[in-house]
C-alpha cells in the first residue's frame, strides 16, 4: 500500500503533467501550485522550499532566459540570420547553416528564446522556397537541443544536475561540473545528430 505522502506526490505529478499537456495554466504557476500543495501537506518543509528557490543554478537559468529575451527584443539575431542565410538557396544549404548557427548559439543561450526567435524566420524562408515548414522547424528544435548538450549552461537540465552534484559534494566527493564537462559527449552527439538531420530528416517529415 502506498503511504498518504506517496499518494499526494503522485497526484501532484499527474496534475503537473496534465496541466502541461492541456496548457491549463503557465508552467511557472503550475509548479507553484505543486510546491504549495506539497508544503501544506508537510511533504516539503519551508526550509526545503526556500532552499530550492535560493539555488544559484535556478538564478543562472532565470538570467539566461532574460538574456535571451533581451537579444530577441534588440533584433540582433535576426540581423545575423539575414547575413548567414542570404546565400542559402536550397534545402540542404539552409539546413547546414541553420544547424551550425543554432547549435552554436544554444550551447551558450537558453533554447526556448532562441527557437522562438528562429521560428518565424525559418517559417517565412520555407514558404518562399516552397518547402514544408515542418521539414525545417522540427530539425530546428532538435538542433537547439543537441547544441544545448555541449556546455553546462546549454540547457536547464545540465544546470540542475550540477546543482545536485554540488549539494552532494560532501557525501560523494564529486567536484562541481565545469563549463565544458558535457562537451565530450555533447560534441559527438551534435555532429552525428547534424548529419542525421541533414540527410534523413527530410524523408521522415511531411
N, C-alpha and C. Protein backbone atom coordinates (compact mmCIF):
# COMPACT_ATOMS: atom_id res chain seq x y z
N UNK A 1 0.84 -1.20 0.00
CA UNK A 1 0.00 0.00 0.00
C UNK A 1 0.88 1.26 0.00
N UNK A 2 0.47 2.21 -0.80
CA UNK A 2 1.18 3.47 -0.84
C UNK A 2 0.81 4.30 0.38
N UNK A 3 1.79 5.01 0.92
CA UNK A 3 1.51 5.91 2.04
C UNK A 3 0.76 7.13 1.54
N UNK A 4 0.20 7.89 2.48
CA UNK A 4 -0.54 9.10 2.11
C UNK A 4 0.37 10.10 1.41
N UNK A 5 1.60 10.24 1.90
CA UNK A 5 2.55 11.18 1.27
C UNK A 5 2.84 10.78 -0.17
N UNK A 6 3.02 9.47 -0.41
CA UNK A 6 3.30 8.99 -1.76
C UNK A 6 2.13 9.26 -2.69
N UNK A 7 0.91 9.10 -2.18
CA UNK A 7 -0.29 9.35 -2.99
C UNK A 7 -0.38 10.83 -3.36
N UNK A 8 -0.09 11.70 -2.38
CA UNK A 8 -0.15 13.15 -2.65
C UNK A 8 0.89 13.53 -3.70
N UNK A 9 2.10 13.01 -3.58
CA UNK A 9 3.15 13.30 -4.56
C UNK A 9 2.73 12.81 -5.94
N UNK A 10 2.14 11.63 -6.01
CA UNK A 10 1.68 11.08 -7.29
C UNK A 10 0.59 11.96 -7.90
N UNK A 11 -0.33 12.42 -7.08
CA UNK A 11 -1.40 13.30 -7.57
C UNK A 11 -0.82 14.61 -8.11
N UNK A 12 0.15 15.18 -7.39
CA UNK A 12 0.79 16.43 -7.84
C UNK A 12 1.50 16.23 -9.17
N UNK A 13 2.21 15.12 -9.33
CA UNK A 13 2.92 14.84 -10.58
C UNK A 13 1.94 14.68 -11.74
N UNK A 14 0.83 13.98 -11.49
CA UNK A 14 -0.19 13.80 -12.54
C UNK A 14 -0.80 15.15 -12.91
N UNK A 15 -1.06 15.99 -11.91
CA UNK A 15 -1.61 17.32 -12.17
C UNK A 15 -0.65 18.15 -13.04
N UNK A 16 0.65 18.11 -12.70
CA UNK A 16 1.64 18.88 -13.46
C UNK A 16 1.69 18.40 -14.92
N UNK A 17 1.70 17.09 -15.12
CA UNK A 17 1.77 16.54 -16.48
C UNK A 17 0.53 16.92 -17.29
N UNK A 18 -0.66 16.78 -16.67
CA UNK A 18 -1.90 17.11 -17.38
C UNK A 18 -1.98 18.60 -17.66
N UNK A 19 -1.54 19.42 -16.69
CA UNK A 19 -1.56 20.87 -16.88
C UNK A 19 -0.67 21.29 -18.04
N UNK A 20 0.52 20.67 -18.13
CA UNK A 20 1.41 20.96 -19.25
C UNK A 20 0.78 20.54 -20.57
N UNK A 21 0.19 19.34 -20.59
CA UNK A 21 -0.38 18.80 -21.83
C UNK A 21 -1.59 19.60 -22.29
N UNK A 22 -2.46 19.95 -21.35
CA UNK A 22 -3.69 20.68 -21.69
C UNK A 22 -3.47 22.18 -21.75
N UNK A 23 -2.30 22.64 -21.26
CA UNK A 23 -1.99 24.07 -21.23
C UNK A 23 -3.03 24.85 -20.44
N UNK A 24 -3.38 24.30 -19.26
CA UNK A 24 -4.36 24.99 -18.41
C UNK A 24 -3.83 26.32 -17.93
N UNK A 25 -2.65 26.28 -17.35
CA UNK A 25 -2.01 27.50 -16.82
C UNK A 25 -0.53 27.45 -17.20
N UNK A 26 0.17 28.52 -16.96
CA UNK A 26 1.59 28.58 -17.32
C UNK A 26 2.42 27.61 -16.50
N UNK A 27 3.60 27.21 -17.02
CA UNK A 27 4.48 26.29 -16.30
C UNK A 27 4.87 26.78 -14.91
N UNK A 28 5.18 28.06 -14.80
CA UNK A 28 5.62 28.61 -13.51
C UNK A 28 4.51 28.47 -12.46
N UNK A 29 3.28 28.83 -12.85
CA UNK A 29 2.17 28.76 -11.91
C UNK A 29 1.82 27.31 -11.59
N UNK A 30 1.97 26.42 -12.56
CA UNK A 30 1.73 25.00 -12.33
C UNK A 30 2.67 24.46 -11.26
N UNK A 31 3.96 24.76 -11.40
CA UNK A 31 4.93 24.31 -10.41
C UNK A 31 4.68 24.96 -9.05
N UNK A 32 4.26 26.23 -9.06
CA UNK A 32 3.98 26.92 -7.80
C UNK A 32 2.85 26.22 -7.05
N UNK A 33 1.80 25.84 -7.75
CA UNK A 33 0.69 25.12 -7.12
C UNK A 33 1.18 23.80 -6.55
N UNK A 34 2.00 23.09 -7.32
CA UNK A 34 2.55 21.82 -6.85
C UNK A 34 3.37 21.98 -5.57
N UNK A 35 4.22 23.00 -5.54
CA UNK A 35 5.06 23.25 -4.37
C UNK A 35 4.20 23.61 -3.16
N UNK A 36 3.18 24.46 -3.37
CA UNK A 36 2.30 24.87 -2.28
C UNK A 36 1.57 23.67 -1.69
N UNK A 37 1.05 22.79 -2.56
CA UNK A 37 0.35 21.59 -2.09
C UNK A 37 1.28 20.70 -1.27
N UNK A 38 2.50 20.50 -1.77
CA UNK A 38 3.47 19.68 -1.05
C UNK A 38 3.88 20.34 0.27
N UNK A 39 3.91 21.66 0.28
CA UNK A 39 4.25 22.37 1.52
C UNK A 39 3.14 22.28 2.55
N UNK A 40 1.88 22.48 2.10
CA UNK A 40 0.74 22.42 3.02
C UNK A 40 0.58 21.01 3.61
N UNK A 41 0.85 20.00 2.78
CA UNK A 41 0.70 18.61 3.24
C UNK A 41 1.86 18.17 4.13
N UNK A 42 2.90 19.00 4.25
CA UNK A 42 4.02 18.68 5.11
C UNK A 42 5.09 17.82 4.48
N UNK A 43 4.95 17.52 3.19
CA UNK A 43 5.96 16.70 2.50
C UNK A 43 7.25 17.50 2.31
N UNK A 44 7.09 18.79 1.99
CA UNK A 44 8.23 19.69 1.91
C UNK A 44 8.18 20.66 3.08
N UNK A 45 9.31 20.85 3.72
CA UNK A 45 9.39 21.82 4.82
C UNK A 45 9.63 23.21 4.24
N UNK A 46 9.28 24.25 4.99
CA UNK A 46 9.55 25.62 4.50
C UNK A 46 11.01 25.85 4.12
N UNK A 47 11.93 25.27 4.89
CA UNK A 47 13.36 25.45 4.58
C UNK A 47 13.72 24.78 3.26
N UNK A 48 13.13 23.62 2.98
CA UNK A 48 13.39 22.93 1.71
C UNK A 48 12.85 23.72 0.54
N UNK A 49 11.66 24.31 0.72
CA UNK A 49 11.06 25.12 -0.35
C UNK A 49 11.92 26.34 -0.64
N UNK A 50 12.34 27.04 0.41
CA UNK A 50 13.16 28.24 0.25
C UNK A 50 14.53 27.92 -0.31
N UNK A 51 15.11 26.80 0.10
CA UNK A 51 16.42 26.42 -0.42
C UNK A 51 16.36 26.14 -1.91
N UNK A 52 15.24 25.60 -2.37
CA UNK A 52 15.08 25.36 -3.81
C UNK A 52 15.03 26.65 -4.59
N UNK A 53 14.29 27.65 -4.07
CA UNK A 53 14.21 28.93 -4.76
C UNK A 53 15.53 29.70 -4.67
N UNK A 54 16.32 29.40 -3.63
CA UNK A 54 17.59 30.11 -3.45
C UNK A 54 18.75 29.44 -4.17
N UNK A 55 18.49 28.32 -4.84
CA UNK A 55 19.55 27.60 -5.55
C UNK A 55 20.17 28.49 -6.62
N UNK A 56 21.50 28.61 -6.61
CA UNK A 56 22.16 29.51 -7.57
C UNK A 56 21.98 29.03 -9.01
N UNK A 57 21.76 27.72 -9.22
CA UNK A 57 21.54 27.23 -10.58
C UNK A 57 20.22 27.75 -11.14
N UNK A 58 19.21 27.88 -10.28
CA UNK A 58 17.93 28.44 -10.71
C UNK A 58 18.10 29.89 -11.12
N UNK A 59 18.91 30.63 -10.37
CA UNK A 59 19.18 32.04 -10.70
C UNK A 59 19.87 32.14 -12.06
N UNK A 60 20.81 31.24 -12.34
CA UNK A 60 21.51 31.24 -13.63
C UNK A 60 20.51 30.99 -14.76
N UNK A 61 19.58 30.05 -14.56
CA UNK A 61 18.57 29.75 -15.58
C UNK A 61 17.73 30.99 -15.87
N UNK A 62 17.30 31.68 -14.83
CA UNK A 62 16.50 32.89 -15.00
C UNK A 62 17.29 33.97 -15.74
N UNK A 63 18.58 34.10 -15.42
CA UNK A 63 19.42 35.09 -16.10
C UNK A 63 19.56 34.77 -17.58
N UNK A 64 19.72 33.48 -17.91
CA UNK A 64 19.84 33.08 -19.32
C UNK A 64 18.56 33.38 -20.08
N UNK A 65 17.42 33.14 -19.43
CA UNK A 65 16.14 33.47 -20.07
C UNK A 65 16.03 34.97 -20.33
N UNK A 66 16.44 35.77 -19.36
CA UNK A 66 16.39 37.22 -19.52
C UNK A 66 17.31 37.68 -20.64
N UNK A 67 18.52 37.13 -20.69
CA UNK A 67 19.47 37.49 -21.75
C UNK A 67 18.90 37.13 -23.12
N UNK A 68 18.29 35.94 -23.22
CA UNK A 68 17.69 35.52 -24.48
C UNK A 68 16.58 36.46 -24.92
N UNK A 69 15.75 36.90 -23.97
CA UNK A 69 14.67 37.83 -24.30
C UNK A 69 15.20 39.18 -24.73
N UNK A 70 16.28 39.64 -24.08
CA UNK A 70 16.87 40.93 -24.46
C UNK A 70 17.43 40.87 -25.88
N UNK A 71 18.13 39.78 -26.20
CA UNK A 71 18.68 39.62 -27.55
C UNK A 71 17.57 39.58 -28.59
N UNK A 72 16.48 38.88 -28.26
CA UNK A 72 15.36 38.80 -29.19
C UNK A 72 14.73 40.17 -29.42
N UNK A 73 14.55 40.96 -28.35
CA UNK A 73 13.94 42.28 -28.48
C UNK A 73 14.82 43.25 -29.25
N UNK A 74 16.13 43.11 -29.13
CA UNK A 74 17.05 44.02 -29.82
C UNK A 74 17.16 43.71 -31.31
N UNK A 75 16.75 42.53 -31.72
CA UNK A 75 16.81 42.17 -33.14
C UNK A 75 18.20 41.81 -33.63
N UNK A 76 19.11 41.52 -32.69
CA UNK A 76 20.49 41.19 -33.08
C UNK A 76 20.52 39.89 -33.88
N UNK A 77 19.78 38.92 -33.41
CA UNK A 77 19.82 37.59 -34.04
C UNK A 77 19.25 37.63 -35.45
N UNK A 78 18.14 38.38 -35.64
CA UNK A 78 17.54 38.46 -36.97
C UNK A 78 18.51 39.06 -37.98
N UNK A 79 19.27 40.08 -37.56
CA UNK A 79 20.27 40.69 -38.45
C UNK A 79 21.34 39.67 -38.83
N UNK A 80 21.76 38.88 -37.85
CA UNK A 80 22.75 37.84 -38.12
C UNK A 80 22.19 36.79 -39.07
N UNK A 81 20.91 36.43 -38.90
CA UNK A 81 20.27 35.45 -39.77
C UNK A 81 20.33 35.91 -41.22
N UNK A 82 20.02 37.18 -41.44
CA UNK A 82 20.00 37.71 -42.81
C UNK A 82 21.36 37.56 -43.48
N UNK A 83 22.43 37.77 -42.73
CA UNK A 83 23.77 37.67 -43.31
C UNK A 83 24.18 36.21 -43.55
N UNK A 84 23.80 35.34 -42.62
CA UNK A 84 24.19 33.94 -42.72
C UNK A 84 23.43 33.21 -43.82
N UNK A 85 22.14 33.50 -43.95
CA UNK A 85 21.29 32.72 -44.85
C UNK A 85 21.04 33.37 -46.21
N UNK A 86 21.65 34.52 -46.48
CA UNK A 86 21.34 35.21 -47.72
C UNK A 86 21.79 34.42 -48.96
N UNK A 87 22.79 33.53 -48.83
CA UNK A 87 23.25 32.72 -49.95
C UNK A 87 22.74 31.28 -49.89
N UNK A 88 21.87 30.99 -48.94
CA UNK A 88 21.31 29.64 -48.83
C UNK A 88 20.14 29.52 -49.79
N UNK A 89 20.39 28.96 -50.96
CA UNK A 89 19.35 28.88 -51.99
C UNK A 89 18.79 27.47 -52.16
N UNK A 90 19.01 26.61 -51.19
CA UNK A 90 18.48 25.26 -51.26
C UNK A 90 18.26 24.69 -49.88
N UNK A 91 17.52 23.58 -49.81
CA UNK A 91 17.17 22.98 -48.52
C UNK A 91 18.40 22.60 -47.70
N UNK A 92 19.33 21.85 -48.30
CA UNK A 92 20.50 21.37 -47.56
C UNK A 92 21.42 22.52 -47.16
N UNK A 93 21.55 23.51 -48.02
CA UNK A 93 22.39 24.66 -47.68
C UNK A 93 21.82 25.42 -46.49
N UNK A 94 20.49 25.60 -46.49
CA UNK A 94 19.85 26.29 -45.37
C UNK A 94 19.95 25.45 -44.09
N UNK A 95 19.69 24.15 -44.22
CA UNK A 95 19.73 23.26 -43.06
C UNK A 95 21.12 23.25 -42.42
N UNK A 96 22.16 23.16 -43.24
CA UNK A 96 23.52 23.11 -42.72
C UNK A 96 23.85 24.38 -41.95
N UNK A 97 23.50 25.53 -42.52
CA UNK A 97 23.77 26.80 -41.85
C UNK A 97 22.93 26.93 -40.58
N UNK A 98 21.66 26.50 -40.65
CA UNK A 98 20.78 26.60 -39.50
C UNK A 98 21.28 25.77 -38.32
N UNK A 99 21.70 24.54 -38.61
CA UNK A 99 22.15 23.66 -37.53
C UNK A 99 23.45 24.16 -36.92
N UNK A 100 24.35 24.68 -37.75
CA UNK A 100 25.61 25.22 -37.24
C UNK A 100 25.36 26.44 -36.36
N UNK A 101 24.49 27.33 -36.83
CA UNK A 101 24.21 28.56 -36.10
C UNK A 101 23.45 28.27 -34.81
N UNK A 102 22.35 27.52 -34.94
CA UNK A 102 21.51 27.24 -33.77
C UNK A 102 22.26 26.39 -32.75
N UNK A 103 22.98 25.37 -33.24
CA UNK A 103 23.74 24.53 -32.32
C UNK A 103 24.79 25.32 -31.56
N UNK A 104 25.46 26.25 -32.25
CA UNK A 104 26.47 27.07 -31.59
C UNK A 104 25.87 28.02 -30.56
N UNK A 105 24.77 28.67 -30.93
CA UNK A 105 24.14 29.62 -30.02
C UNK A 105 23.52 28.91 -28.82
N UNK A 106 22.88 27.76 -29.06
CA UNK A 106 22.17 27.08 -27.98
C UNK A 106 23.12 26.50 -26.93
N UNK A 107 24.41 26.40 -27.28
CA UNK A 107 25.38 25.96 -26.29
C UNK A 107 25.60 27.01 -25.20
N UNK A 108 25.25 28.26 -25.49
CA UNK A 108 25.51 29.35 -24.54
C UNK A 108 24.26 30.17 -24.21
N UNK A 109 23.13 29.86 -24.86
CA UNK A 109 21.89 30.57 -24.59
C UNK A 109 20.79 29.55 -24.30
N UNK A 110 19.76 29.98 -23.60
CA UNK A 110 18.63 29.10 -23.33
C UNK A 110 17.93 28.74 -24.64
N UNK A 111 17.54 27.49 -24.78
CA UNK A 111 16.96 27.00 -26.04
C UNK A 111 15.64 27.68 -26.40
N UNK A 112 14.80 27.91 -25.41
CA UNK A 112 13.44 28.39 -25.69
C UNK A 112 13.41 29.73 -26.41
N UNK A 113 14.05 30.79 -25.88
CA UNK A 113 14.02 32.05 -26.62
C UNK A 113 14.74 31.98 -27.96
N UNK A 114 15.76 31.14 -28.06
CA UNK A 114 16.49 31.01 -29.32
C UNK A 114 15.58 30.42 -30.41
N UNK A 115 14.88 29.35 -30.07
CA UNK A 115 13.96 28.74 -31.03
C UNK A 115 12.81 29.69 -31.35
N UNK A 116 12.34 30.43 -30.33
CA UNK A 116 11.25 31.38 -30.54
C UNK A 116 11.65 32.48 -31.53
N UNK A 117 12.92 32.90 -31.47
CA UNK A 117 13.42 33.91 -32.41
C UNK A 117 13.56 33.33 -33.80
N UNK A 118 14.02 32.10 -33.88
CA UNK A 118 14.34 31.48 -35.17
C UNK A 118 13.10 31.01 -35.94
N UNK A 119 12.05 30.63 -35.23
CA UNK A 119 10.88 30.03 -35.87
C UNK A 119 10.25 30.89 -36.97
N UNK A 120 9.95 32.17 -36.71
CA UNK A 120 9.34 32.98 -37.78
C UNK A 120 10.23 33.09 -39.02
N UNK A 121 11.53 33.21 -38.80
CA UNK A 121 12.46 33.32 -39.93
C UNK A 121 12.47 32.04 -40.76
N UNK A 122 12.55 30.90 -40.07
CA UNK A 122 12.56 29.61 -40.76
C UNK A 122 11.24 29.39 -41.50
N UNK A 123 10.15 29.74 -40.87
CA UNK A 123 8.82 29.55 -41.48
C UNK A 123 8.68 30.38 -42.75
N UNK A 124 9.09 31.65 -42.69
CA UNK A 124 8.96 32.51 -43.87
C UNK A 124 9.89 32.04 -44.99
N UNK A 125 11.11 31.58 -44.65
CA UNK A 125 12.04 31.09 -45.67
C UNK A 125 11.49 29.85 -46.36
N UNK A 126 10.90 28.95 -45.59
CA UNK A 126 10.36 27.72 -46.17
C UNK A 126 9.19 28.03 -47.09
N UNK A 127 8.37 29.02 -46.74
CA UNK A 127 7.25 29.40 -47.60
C UNK A 127 7.74 30.02 -48.90
N UNK A 128 8.78 30.84 -48.80
CA UNK A 128 9.32 31.49 -50.00
C UNK A 128 9.92 30.47 -50.97
N UNK A 129 10.43 29.37 -50.42
CA UNK A 129 11.10 28.37 -51.24
C UNK A 129 10.27 27.11 -51.47
N UNK A 130 8.96 27.21 -51.18
CA UNK A 130 8.01 26.10 -51.41
C UNK A 130 8.45 24.80 -50.73
N UNK A 131 8.87 24.92 -49.49
CA UNK A 131 9.25 23.76 -48.68
C UNK A 131 8.34 23.70 -47.47
N UNK A 132 7.88 22.52 -47.12
CA UNK A 132 7.01 22.37 -45.96
C UNK A 132 7.74 22.85 -44.70
N UNK A 133 7.11 23.75 -43.92
CA UNK A 133 7.79 24.27 -42.72
C UNK A 133 8.23 23.18 -41.75
N UNK A 134 7.49 22.07 -41.67
CA UNK A 134 7.86 21.01 -40.72
C UNK A 134 9.21 20.39 -41.05
N UNK A 135 9.62 20.44 -42.31
CA UNK A 135 10.92 19.88 -42.69
C UNK A 135 12.08 20.69 -42.14
N UNK A 136 11.79 21.91 -41.68
CA UNK A 136 12.83 22.76 -41.10
C UNK A 136 12.59 23.05 -39.62
N UNK A 137 11.32 23.17 -39.23
CA UNK A 137 11.02 23.54 -37.85
C UNK A 137 11.35 22.41 -36.87
N UNK A 138 11.07 21.17 -37.26
CA UNK A 138 11.40 20.05 -36.38
C UNK A 138 12.92 19.90 -36.23
N UNK A 139 13.69 19.92 -37.33
CA UNK A 139 15.16 19.92 -37.17
C UNK A 139 15.68 21.11 -36.38
N UNK A 140 15.01 22.25 -36.48
CA UNK A 140 15.40 23.44 -35.70
C UNK A 140 15.35 23.13 -34.20
N UNK A 141 14.28 22.51 -33.77
CA UNK A 141 14.14 22.16 -32.36
C UNK A 141 15.21 21.17 -31.93
N UNK A 142 15.46 20.17 -32.75
CA UNK A 142 16.47 19.16 -32.41
C UNK A 142 17.88 19.76 -32.39
N UNK A 143 18.15 20.66 -33.32
CA UNK A 143 19.47 21.30 -33.35
C UNK A 143 19.71 22.10 -32.07
N UNK A 144 18.67 22.78 -31.59
CA UNK A 144 18.80 23.54 -30.35
C UNK A 144 19.04 22.62 -29.16
N UNK A 145 18.35 21.48 -29.14
CA UNK A 145 18.52 20.52 -28.04
C UNK A 145 19.93 19.93 -28.07
N UNK A 146 20.39 19.54 -29.25
CA UNK A 146 21.72 18.94 -29.37
C UNK A 146 22.82 19.94 -29.00
N UNK A 147 22.67 21.16 -29.47
CA UNK A 147 23.67 22.18 -29.14
C UNK A 147 23.71 22.49 -27.65
N UNK A 148 22.55 22.42 -27.01
CA UNK A 148 22.49 22.70 -25.59
C UNK A 148 23.18 21.66 -24.74
N UNK A 149 23.42 20.48 -25.31
CA UNK A 149 24.09 19.41 -24.55
C UNK A 149 25.61 19.59 -24.49
N UNK A 150 26.14 20.59 -25.17
CA UNK A 150 27.59 20.74 -25.25
C UNK A 150 28.19 21.38 -24.01
N UNK A 151 27.48 22.33 -23.40
CA UNK A 151 28.03 23.07 -22.27
C UNK A 151 27.15 22.97 -21.03
N UNK A 152 27.71 23.43 -19.93
CA UNK A 152 26.99 23.41 -18.66
C UNK A 152 25.75 24.28 -18.70
N UNK A 153 25.83 25.45 -19.34
CA UNK A 153 24.71 26.38 -19.35
C UNK A 153 23.83 26.19 -20.58
N UNK A 154 24.11 25.17 -21.38
CA UNK A 154 23.35 24.97 -22.61
C UNK A 154 21.90 24.62 -22.38
N UNK A 155 21.61 23.88 -21.33
CA UNK A 155 20.23 23.53 -21.00
C UNK A 155 20.00 23.68 -19.51
N UNK A 156 18.75 23.88 -19.15
CA UNK A 156 18.40 23.99 -17.74
C UNK A 156 18.70 22.68 -17.02
N UNK A 157 18.55 21.56 -17.73
CA UNK A 157 18.79 20.25 -17.12
C UNK A 157 20.23 20.13 -16.64
N UNK A 158 21.18 20.55 -17.46
CA UNK A 158 22.58 20.47 -17.08
C UNK A 158 22.87 21.29 -15.81
N UNK A 159 22.25 22.46 -15.74
CA UNK A 159 22.46 23.31 -14.57
C UNK A 159 21.86 22.68 -13.31
N UNK A 160 20.69 22.08 -13.44
CA UNK A 160 20.06 21.43 -12.30
C UNK A 160 20.91 20.25 -11.83
N UNK A 161 21.42 19.47 -12.80
CA UNK A 161 22.29 18.34 -12.45
C UNK A 161 23.52 18.84 -11.70
N UNK A 162 24.11 19.94 -12.16
CA UNK A 162 25.28 20.50 -11.50
C UNK A 162 24.93 20.94 -10.08
N UNK A 163 23.75 21.51 -9.91
CA UNK A 163 23.32 21.91 -8.58
C UNK A 163 23.19 20.72 -7.64
N UNK A 164 22.67 19.60 -8.17
CA UNK A 164 22.54 18.39 -7.36
C UNK A 164 23.91 17.82 -7.00
N UNK A 165 24.85 17.89 -7.96
CA UNK A 165 26.21 17.42 -7.69
C UNK A 165 26.85 18.25 -6.58
N UNK A 166 26.68 19.56 -6.64
CA UNK A 166 27.26 20.45 -5.63
C UNK A 166 26.65 20.19 -4.25
N UNK A 167 25.34 19.90 -4.23
CA UNK A 167 24.68 19.64 -2.95
C UNK A 167 25.19 18.36 -2.30
N UNK A 168 25.66 17.42 -3.14
CA UNK A 168 26.10 16.13 -2.61
C UNK A 168 27.63 15.98 -2.59
N UNK A 169 28.33 17.10 -2.74
CA UNK A 169 29.80 17.04 -2.80
C UNK A 169 30.41 16.41 -1.55
N UNK A 170 29.90 16.79 -0.38
CA UNK A 170 30.45 16.27 0.87
C UNK A 170 30.26 14.76 0.98
N UNK A 171 29.10 14.30 0.52
CA UNK A 171 28.77 12.87 0.64
C UNK A 171 29.51 12.04 -0.40
N UNK A 172 29.48 12.50 -1.66
CA UNK A 172 30.03 11.70 -2.77
C UNK A 172 31.47 12.02 -3.10
N UNK A 173 31.92 13.23 -2.75
CA UNK A 173 33.28 13.64 -3.09
C UNK A 173 33.41 14.14 -4.52
N UNK A 174 32.28 14.24 -5.25
CA UNK A 174 32.32 14.72 -6.64
C UNK A 174 32.53 16.23 -6.67
N UNK A 175 33.29 16.69 -7.66
CA UNK A 175 33.52 18.11 -7.82
C UNK A 175 32.45 18.72 -8.72
N UNK A 176 32.26 20.02 -8.59
CA UNK A 176 31.30 20.73 -9.43
C UNK A 176 31.70 20.61 -10.89
N UNK A 177 30.72 20.48 -11.77
CA UNK A 177 30.98 20.33 -13.19
C UNK A 177 31.46 21.65 -13.78
N UNK A 178 32.35 21.58 -14.75
CA UNK A 178 32.86 22.79 -15.40
C UNK A 178 32.02 23.11 -16.64
N UNK A 179 32.33 24.24 -17.25
CA UNK A 179 31.56 24.69 -18.41
C UNK A 179 31.51 23.65 -19.52
N UNK A 180 32.61 22.97 -19.79
CA UNK A 180 32.67 22.04 -20.92
C UNK A 180 32.77 20.58 -20.49
N UNK A 181 32.28 20.28 -19.28
CA UNK A 181 32.28 18.88 -18.82
C UNK A 181 31.42 17.99 -19.72
N UNK A 182 30.39 18.58 -20.31
CA UNK A 182 29.47 17.81 -21.15
C UNK A 182 29.94 17.71 -22.59
N UNK A 183 31.00 18.45 -22.95
CA UNK A 183 31.42 18.53 -24.35
C UNK A 183 31.90 17.19 -24.90
N UNK A 184 32.46 16.35 -24.04
CA UNK A 184 32.98 15.06 -24.50
C UNK A 184 31.86 14.19 -25.09
N UNK A 185 30.68 14.35 -24.56
CA UNK A 185 29.52 13.63 -25.09
C UNK A 185 28.71 14.52 -26.02
N UNK A 186 28.59 15.81 -25.66
CA UNK A 186 27.74 16.72 -26.41
C UNK A 186 28.21 16.99 -27.83
N UNK A 187 29.52 17.18 -28.02
CA UNK A 187 30.03 17.46 -29.37
C UNK A 187 29.81 16.30 -30.34
N UNK A 188 30.14 15.04 -29.96
CA UNK A 188 29.83 13.92 -30.86
C UNK A 188 28.33 13.79 -31.14
N UNK A 189 27.52 14.04 -30.11
CA UNK A 189 26.06 13.99 -30.31
C UNK A 189 25.63 15.04 -31.33
N UNK A 190 26.18 16.25 -31.20
CA UNK A 190 25.83 17.33 -32.13
C UNK A 190 26.26 16.98 -33.54
N UNK A 191 27.46 16.44 -33.69
CA UNK A 191 27.99 16.10 -35.01
C UNK A 191 27.16 15.01 -35.68
N UNK A 192 26.92 13.93 -34.95
CA UNK A 192 26.14 12.81 -35.50
C UNK A 192 24.70 13.23 -35.76
N UNK A 193 24.13 13.99 -34.82
CA UNK A 193 22.75 14.45 -34.99
C UNK A 193 22.59 15.37 -36.18
N UNK A 194 23.58 16.24 -36.40
CA UNK A 194 23.51 17.17 -37.53
C UNK A 194 23.55 16.42 -38.86
N UNK A 195 24.40 15.41 -38.96
CA UNK A 195 24.47 14.61 -40.19
C UNK A 195 23.14 13.88 -40.42
N UNK A 196 22.59 13.32 -39.35
CA UNK A 196 21.32 12.61 -39.47
C UNK A 196 20.20 13.55 -39.92
N UNK A 197 20.12 14.72 -39.28
CA UNK A 197 19.07 15.67 -39.64
C UNK A 197 19.23 16.16 -41.08
N UNK A 198 20.48 16.34 -41.49
CA UNK A 198 20.74 16.88 -42.82
C UNK A 198 20.34 15.91 -43.93
N UNK A 199 20.57 14.62 -43.71
CA UNK A 199 20.37 13.65 -44.79
C UNK A 199 19.13 12.76 -44.62
N UNK A 200 18.57 12.71 -43.41
CA UNK A 200 17.46 11.77 -43.18
C UNK A 200 16.16 12.48 -42.84
N UNK A 201 16.25 13.62 -42.12
CA UNK A 201 15.03 14.24 -41.59
C UNK A 201 14.02 14.62 -42.67
N UNK A 202 14.49 15.02 -43.85
CA UNK A 202 13.56 15.44 -44.91
C UNK A 202 12.67 14.28 -45.34
N UNK A 203 13.18 13.06 -45.28
CA UNK A 203 12.41 11.89 -45.67
C UNK A 203 11.38 11.49 -44.62
N UNK A 204 11.63 11.89 -43.36
CA UNK A 204 10.74 11.49 -42.27
C UNK A 204 9.69 12.53 -41.94
N UNK A 205 9.87 13.78 -42.40
CA UNK A 205 8.91 14.83 -42.12
C UNK A 205 8.08 15.11 -43.34
N UNK A 206 6.88 15.63 -43.10
CA UNK A 206 5.95 15.88 -44.22
C UNK A 206 5.80 17.37 -44.48
